[in-house]
Amino acid sequence: MPVSKRNRVVSLTQAKKKGLEHKEKLIKDVRHAVEKYNCLYIFSVENMRNNKLKDVREEWKGTSKLILGKNKVLQVALGRSSENEIADNLHK
């Protein structure tokens, strides 16, 4: 006879969506950062360890700003084409 498994507590919660206000705030923050800082670096992160990101944040603290967001939202913030970009050569 198989051994019976014990009953476990399972939580049925869902993450709340951030909504349109959060996306608009991110767009505003990115546009403000483009005006404030001289250089802008865009890179893609995939399966990065938290310790590495923590080290980068500590090194850049005070002199720069690290903004993370979805690709499409950041494209809207920087401008998708040359007509609606907020600074020169950001749509590429």
C-alpha atoms as a PDB file:
ATOM      1  CA  MET A   1       0.000   0.000   0.000  1.00  0.00           C
ATOM      2  CA  PRO A   2       1.301   3.514  -0.833  1.00  0.00           C
ATOM      3  CA  VAL A   3       2.217   5.887   1.921  1.00  0.00           C
ATOM      4  CA  SER A   4      -0.346   8.660   2.306  1.00  0.00           C
ATOM      5  CA  LYS A   5       0.881  12.206   1.797  1.00  0.00           C
ATOM      6  CA  ARG A   6       0.345  14.795   4.465  1.00  0.00           C
ATOM      7  CA  ASN A   7      -1.992  17.687   3.860  1.00  0.00           C
ATOM      8  CA  ARG A   8      -0.198  20.901   2.920  1.00  0.00           C
ATOM      9  CA  VAL A   9      -1.453  24.445   3.052  1.00  0.00           C
ATOM     10  CA  VAL A  10      -1.744  25.869  -0.468  1.00  0.00           C
ATOM     11  CA  SER A  11      -2.313  29.583  -0.882  1.00  0.00           C
ATOM     12  CA  LEU A  12      -4.412  30.613  -3.865  1.00  0.00           C
ATOM     13  CA  THR A  13      -3.232  34.204  -4.215  1.00  0.00           C
ATOM     14  CA  GLN A  14      -2.447  36.111  -7.371  1.00  0.00           C
ATOM     15  CA  ALA A  15      -0.091  38.989  -7.995  1.00  0.00           C
ATOM     16  CA  LYS A  16      -1.803  42.320  -8.517  1.00  0.00           C
ATOM     17  CA  LYS A  17      -1.330  44.009 -11.879  1.00  0.00           C
ATOM     18  CA  LYS A  18       0.580  47.266 -11.777  1.00  0.00           C
ATOM     19  CA  GLY A  19      -1.715  49.026 -14.196  1.00  0.00           C
ATOM     20  CA  LEU A  20      -1.476  51.991 -16.516  1.00  0.00           C
ATOM     21  CA  GLU A  21      -0.407  54.451 -13.806  1.00  0.00           C
ATOM     22  CA  HIS A  22       2.772  52.458 -13.138  1.00  0.00           C
ATOM     23  CA  LYS A  23       3.645  52.385 -16.855  1.00  0.00           C
ATOM     24  CA  GLU A  24       3.047  56.122 -17.206  1.00  0.00           C
ATOM     25  CA  LYS A  25       5.251  56.803 -14.176  1.00  0.00           C
ATOM     26  CA  LEU A  26       8.019  54.636 -15.656  1.00  0.00           C
ATOM     27  CA  ILE A  27       7.795  56.517 -18.967  1.00  0.00           C
ATOM     28  CA  LYS A  28       7.995  59.843 -17.119  1.00  0.00           C
ATOM     29  CA  ASP A  29      10.995  58.665 -15.059  1.00  0.00           C
ATOM     30  CA  VAL A  30      12.879  57.469 -18.159  1.00  0.00           C
ATOM     31  CA  ARG A  31      12.266  60.740 -20.003  1.00  0.00           C
ATOM     32  CA  HIS A  32      13.408  62.743 -16.976  1.00  0.00           C
ATOM     33  CA  ALA A  33      16.569  60.613 -16.695  1.00  0.00           C
ATOM     34  CA  VAL A  34      17.388  61.163 -20.388  1.00  0.00           C
ATOM     35  CA  GLU A  35      17.291  64.917 -19.820  1.00  0.00           C
ATOM     36  CA  LYS A  36      19.267  64.772 -16.558  1.00  0.00           C
ATOM     37  CA  TYR A  37      22.157  62.415 -17.420  1.00  0.00           C
ATOM     38  CA  ASN A  38      24.767  62.794 -20.189  1.00  0.00           C
ATOM     39  CA  CYS A  39      25.039  59.136 -21.215  1.00  0.00           C
ATOM     40  CA  LEU A  40      22.424  56.455 -21.708  1.00  0.00           C
ATOM     41  CA  TYR A  41      23.222  52.733 -21.809  1.00  0.00           C
ATOM     42  CA  ILE A  42      20.597  50.182 -22.800  1.00  0.00           C
ATOM     43  CA  PHE A  43      21.265  46.507 -22.216  1.00  0.00           C
ATOM     44  CA  SER A  44      19.311  43.296 -21.934  1.00  0.00           C
ATOM     45  CA  VAL A  45      19.444  41.116 -18.827  1.00  0.00           C
ATOM     46  CA  GLU A  46      18.422  37.488 -18.808  1.00  0.00           C
ATOM     47  CA  ASN A  47      18.715  35.082 -15.867  1.00  0.00           C
ATOM     48  CA  MET A  48      21.041  37.453 -14.011  1.00  0.00           C
ATOM     49  CA  ARG A  49      21.906  36.741 -10.402  1.00  0.00           C
ATOM     50  CA  ASN A  50      20.770  39.253  -7.819  1.00  0.00           C
ATOM     51  CA  ASN A  51      24.264  39.659  -6.340  1.00  0.00           C
ATOM     52  CA  LYS A  52      25.701  40.865  -9.668  1.00  0.00           C
ATOM     53  CA  LEU A  53      22.919  43.421 -10.066  1.00  0.00           C
ATOM     54  CA  LYS A  54      23.442  44.525  -6.472  1.00  0.00           C
ATOM     55  CA  ASP A  55      27.151  45.099  -7.162  1.00  0.00           C
ATOM     56  CA  VAL A  56      26.364  47.212 -10.228  1.00  0.00           C
ATOM     57  CA  ARG A  57      23.892  49.326  -8.268  1.00  0.00           C
ATOM     58  CA  GLU A  58      26.447  49.915  -5.504  1.00  0.00           C
ATOM     59  CA  GLU A  59      29.145  50.971  -7.996  1.00  0.00           C
ATOM     60  CA  TRP A  60      26.849  53.379  -9.855  1.00  0.00           C
ATOM     61  CA  LYS A  61      25.187  54.799  -6.739  1.00  0.00           C
ATOM     62  CA  GLY A  62      25.001  58.603  -6.702  1.00  0.00           C
ATOM     63  CA  THR A  63      26.352  59.150 -10.221  1.00  0.00           C
ATOM     64  CA  SER A  64      23.764  57.327 -12.290  1.00  0.00           C
ATOM     65  CA  LYS A  65      20.355  55.703 -12.256  1.00  0.00           C
ATOM     66  CA  LEU A  66      19.435  52.123 -13.115  1.00  0.00           C
ATOM     67  CA  ILE A  67      15.912  51.743 -14.517  1.00  0.00           C
ATOM     68  CA  LEU A  68      14.419  48.324 -15.234  1.00  0.00           C
ATOM     69  CA  GLY A  69      11.239  47.861 -17.231  1.00  0.00           C
ATOM     70  CA  LYS A  70       9.511  46.009 -20.014  1.00  0.00           C
ATOM     71  CA  ASN A  71      10.901  46.456 -23.521  1.00  0.00           C
ATOM     72  CA  LYS A  72       7.747  47.918 -25.058  1.00  0.00           C
ATOM     73  CA  VAL A  73       7.252  50.452 -22.261  1.00  0.00           C
ATOM     74  CA  LEU A  74      10.870  51.610 -22.559  1.00  0.00           C
ATOM     75  CA  GLN A  75      10.488  51.854 -26.350  1.00  0.00           C
ATOM     76  CA  VAL A  76       7.525  54.173 -25.877  1.00  0.00           C
ATOM     77  CA  ALA A  77       9.484  56.234 -23.353  1.00  0.00           C
ATOM     78  CA  LEU A  78      12.506  56.700 -25.628  1.00  0.00           C
ATOM     79  CA  GLY A  79      10.559  56.956 -28.887  1.00  0.00           C
ATOM     80  CA  ARG A  80       9.823  54.251 -31.413  1.00  0.00           C
ATOM     81  CA  SER A  81      10.714  56.298 -34.496  1.00  0.00           C
ATOM     82  CA  SER A  82      12.833  59.305 -35.355  1.00  0.00           C
ATOM     83  CA  GLU A  83       9.741  61.546 -35.341  1.00  0.00           C
ATOM     84  CA  ASN A  84       8.786  60.921 -31.714  1.00  0.00           C
ATOM     85  CA  GLU A  85      12.160  60.317 -30.032  1.00  0.00           C
ATOM     86  CA  ILE A  86      12.980  62.589 -27.112  1.00  0.00           C
ATOM     87  CA  ALA A  87      16.718  62.918 -27.912  1.00  0.00           C
ATOM     88  CA  ASP A  88      18.879  62.312 -30.981  1.00  0.00           C
ATOM     89  CA  ASN A  89      19.354  58.696 -32.152  1.00  0.00           C
ATOM     90  CA  LEU A  90      17.358  57.002 -29.384  1.00  0.00           C
ATOM     91  CA  HIS A  91      14.900  55.159 -31.627  1.00  0.00           C
ATOM     92  CA  LYS A  92      17.540  52.677 -32.899  1.00  0.00           C
END
